[in-house]
Amino acid sequence: MQNSDRSIHSIAARCGMTEHTIRYYERVGLIQPVRRERNGHRRYSDQDEEWLNLLKSMRATQMPIRELRRYAALQGAGDNRAEAQRKILERHRAALESRIAHLQDARALLTHKLDAFPKLGEPESDVASGASSAD
């Protein structure tokens, strides 16, 4: 049986999001309208939580909202939805892998620069200060 008795406050805490973000995702169509109690309070299920965790992960990797909306729109689509969703995720993975490679290059350069600085408490070397031995 699926739990569908979580409040927006509870689901936000469980997913590491703000309530505002969840409402925004619902407003822009990333979340299907959720079940509501008679008083209008939203109630979230395990499936909703799983979907929110996917959205959070994709946003953390800078997947654009428009791509997430395309992916979400395919949730209820026909037979071709899985292939279309797969293509969206494959494109995003390729972009992410490229960004990771660039970040690794930047980290290597930064590490090289930091290694050229003297350690605290050690005398400054000519290499780190930029002085040449001919000075």
Protein backbone atom coordinates (compact mmCIF):
# COMPACT_ATOMS: atom_id res chain seq x y z
CA MET A 1 0.00 0.00 0.00
CA GLN A 2 1.27 3.42 -0.91
CA ASN A 3 1.52 6.10 1.76
CA SER A 4 -0.31 9.24 0.62
CA ASP A 5 -0.63 11.00 3.91
CA ARG A 6 2.37 13.33 3.97
CA SER A 7 1.87 17.06 4.29
CA ILE A 8 3.78 19.55 2.18
CA HIS A 9 5.85 20.41 5.25
CA SER A 10 6.75 16.75 5.79
CA ILE A 11 7.52 15.98 2.14
CA ALA A 12 9.61 19.14 1.82
CA ALA A 13 11.73 18.07 4.81
CA ARG A 14 12.06 14.50 3.51
CA CYS A 15 13.17 15.71 0.06
CA GLY A 16 15.37 18.58 1.24
CA MET A 17 13.30 21.20 -0.56
CA THR A 18 11.30 24.19 0.51
CA GLU A 19 7.52 24.21 0.46
CA HIS A 20 7.77 27.18 -1.90
CA THR A 21 9.79 25.10 -4.39
CA ILE A 22 7.25 22.28 -4.31
CA ARG A 23 4.39 24.71 -4.92
CA TYR A 24 6.35 26.31 -7.77
CA TYR A 25 7.00 22.89 -9.35
CA GLU A 26 3.28 22.17 -9.19
CA ARG A 27 2.43 25.58 -10.68
CA VAL A 28 4.78 25.12 -13.68
CA GLY A 29 3.63 21.58 -14.36
CA LEU A 30 6.56 19.57 -13.03
CA ILE A 31 4.32 17.93 -10.44
CA GLN A 32 0.94 16.53 -11.25
CA PRO A 33 -1.76 17.96 -9.00
CA VAL A 34 -1.61 16.04 -5.73
CA ARG A 35 -4.46 14.73 -3.65
CA ARG A 36 -5.96 17.28 -1.29
CA GLU A 37 -7.89 16.93 1.91
CA ARG A 38 -11.28 18.57 2.36
CA ASN A 39 -9.57 21.61 3.86
CA GLY A 40 -7.42 21.95 0.71
CA HIS A 41 -4.14 20.77 2.24
CA ARG A 42 -1.95 18.81 -0.14
CA ARG A 43 -1.17 15.17 0.67
CA TYR A 44 1.85 13.48 -0.90
CA SER A 45 2.47 9.81 -1.64
CA ASP A 46 5.60 7.68 -1.86
CA GLN A 47 5.42 8.07 -5.64
CA ASP A 48 5.28 11.86 -5.26
CA GLU A 49 8.34 11.72 -3.00
CA GLU A 50 10.23 9.61 -5.54
CA TRP A 51 9.37 12.11 -8.30
CA LEU A 52 10.42 15.09 -6.16
CA ASN A 53 13.75 13.41 -5.41
CA LEU A 54 14.34 12.95 -9.15
CA LEU A 55 13.51 16.62 -9.78
CA LYS A 56 15.87 17.72 -7.01
CA SER A 57 18.67 15.58 -8.42
CA MET A 58 18.19 16.84 -11.96
CA ARG A 59 18.06 20.48 -10.80
CA ALA A 60 21.24 19.93 -8.76
CA THR A 61 22.91 18.96 -12.04
CA GLN A 62 21.52 22.12 -13.65
CA MET A 63 18.97 20.45 -15.89
CA PRO A 64 16.85 23.31 -17.26
CA ILE A 65 13.23 23.58 -16.11
CA ARG A 66 12.06 23.42 -19.74
CA GLU A 67 13.75 20.01 -20.17
CA LEU A 68 12.25 18.79 -16.92
CA ARG A 69 8.85 19.95 -18.15
CA ARG A 70 9.33 17.98 -21.38
CA TYR A 71 10.30 14.92 -19.36
CA ALA A 72 7.34 15.37 -16.97
CA ALA A 73 4.88 15.86 -19.85
CA LEU A 74 5.87 12.44 -21.15
CA GLN A 75 4.86 10.74 -17.89
CA GLY A 76 1.29 10.21 -19.07
CA ALA A 77 2.07 9.87 -22.77
CA GLY A 78 1.64 6.75 -24.88
CA ASP A 79 3.98 3.98 -25.97
CA ASN A 80 6.81 6.21 -27.21
CA ARG A 81 7.24 8.00 -23.89
CA ALA A 82 10.04 5.79 -22.54
CA GLU A 83 12.23 6.34 -25.60
CA ALA A 84 11.63 10.10 -25.57
CA GLN A 85 12.37 10.28 -21.84
CA ARG A 86 15.52 8.22 -22.34
CA LYS A 87 16.76 10.66 -25.01
CA ILE A 88 16.20 13.62 -22.69
CA LEU A 89 18.18 11.92 -19.92
CA GLU A 90 20.96 10.81 -22.30
CA ARG A 91 21.40 14.38 -23.58
CA HIS A 92 21.54 15.67 -20.04
CA ARG A 93 24.07 13.01 -19.03
CA ALA A 94 26.31 13.96 -21.97
CA ALA A 95 26.14 17.64 -20.99
CA LEU A 96 26.86 16.73 -17.37
CA GLU A 97 29.86 14.59 -18.33
CA SER A 98 31.27 17.47 -20.36
CA ARG A 99 30.78 19.86 -17.43
CA ILE A 100 32.47 17.37 -15.08
CA ALA A 101 35.48 17.12 -17.40
CA HIS A 102 35.79 20.92 -17.49
CA LEU A 103 35.50 21.09 -13.70
CA GLN A 104 38.17 18.43 -13.29
CA ASP A 105 40.51 20.43 -15.55
CA ALA A 106 39.81 23.57 -13.52
CA ARG A 107 40.46 21.69 -10.26
CA ALA A 108 43.77 20.35 -11.58
CA LEU A 109 44.87 23.87 -12.55
CA LEU A 110 43.80 25.23 -9.17
CA THR A 111 45.66 22.43 -7.37
CA HIS A 112 48.79 23.16 -9.41
CA LYS A 113 48.57 26.86 -8.52
CA LEU A 114 48.02 26.12 -4.84
CA ASP A 115 50.95 23.69 -4.75
CA ALA A 116 53.19 26.52 -5.97
CA PHE A 117 52.45 28.57 -2.82
CA PRO A 118 54.63 28.06 0.26
CA LYS A 119 53.16 26.19 3.19
CA LEU A 120 52.34 28.25 6.28
CA GLY A 121 55.41 28.69 8.43
CA GLU A 122 57.85 27.84 5.63
CA PRO A 123 60.06 30.47 4.06
CA GLU A 124 58.80 31.73 0.71
CA SER A 125 60.57 30.10 -2.23
CA ASP A 126 61.68 31.92 -5.35
CA VAL A 127 59.23 29.90 -7.47
CA ALA A 128 56.17 30.94 -5.45
CA SER A 129 57.17 34.57 -5.24
CA GLY A 130 57.89 34.83 -8.93
CA ALA A 131 61.51 35.93 -8.37
CA SER A 132 64.19 34.45 -10.53
CA SER A 133 67.60 33.31 -9.37
CA ALA A 134 69.19 35.98 -11.59
CA ASP A 135 67.72 38.85 -9.49
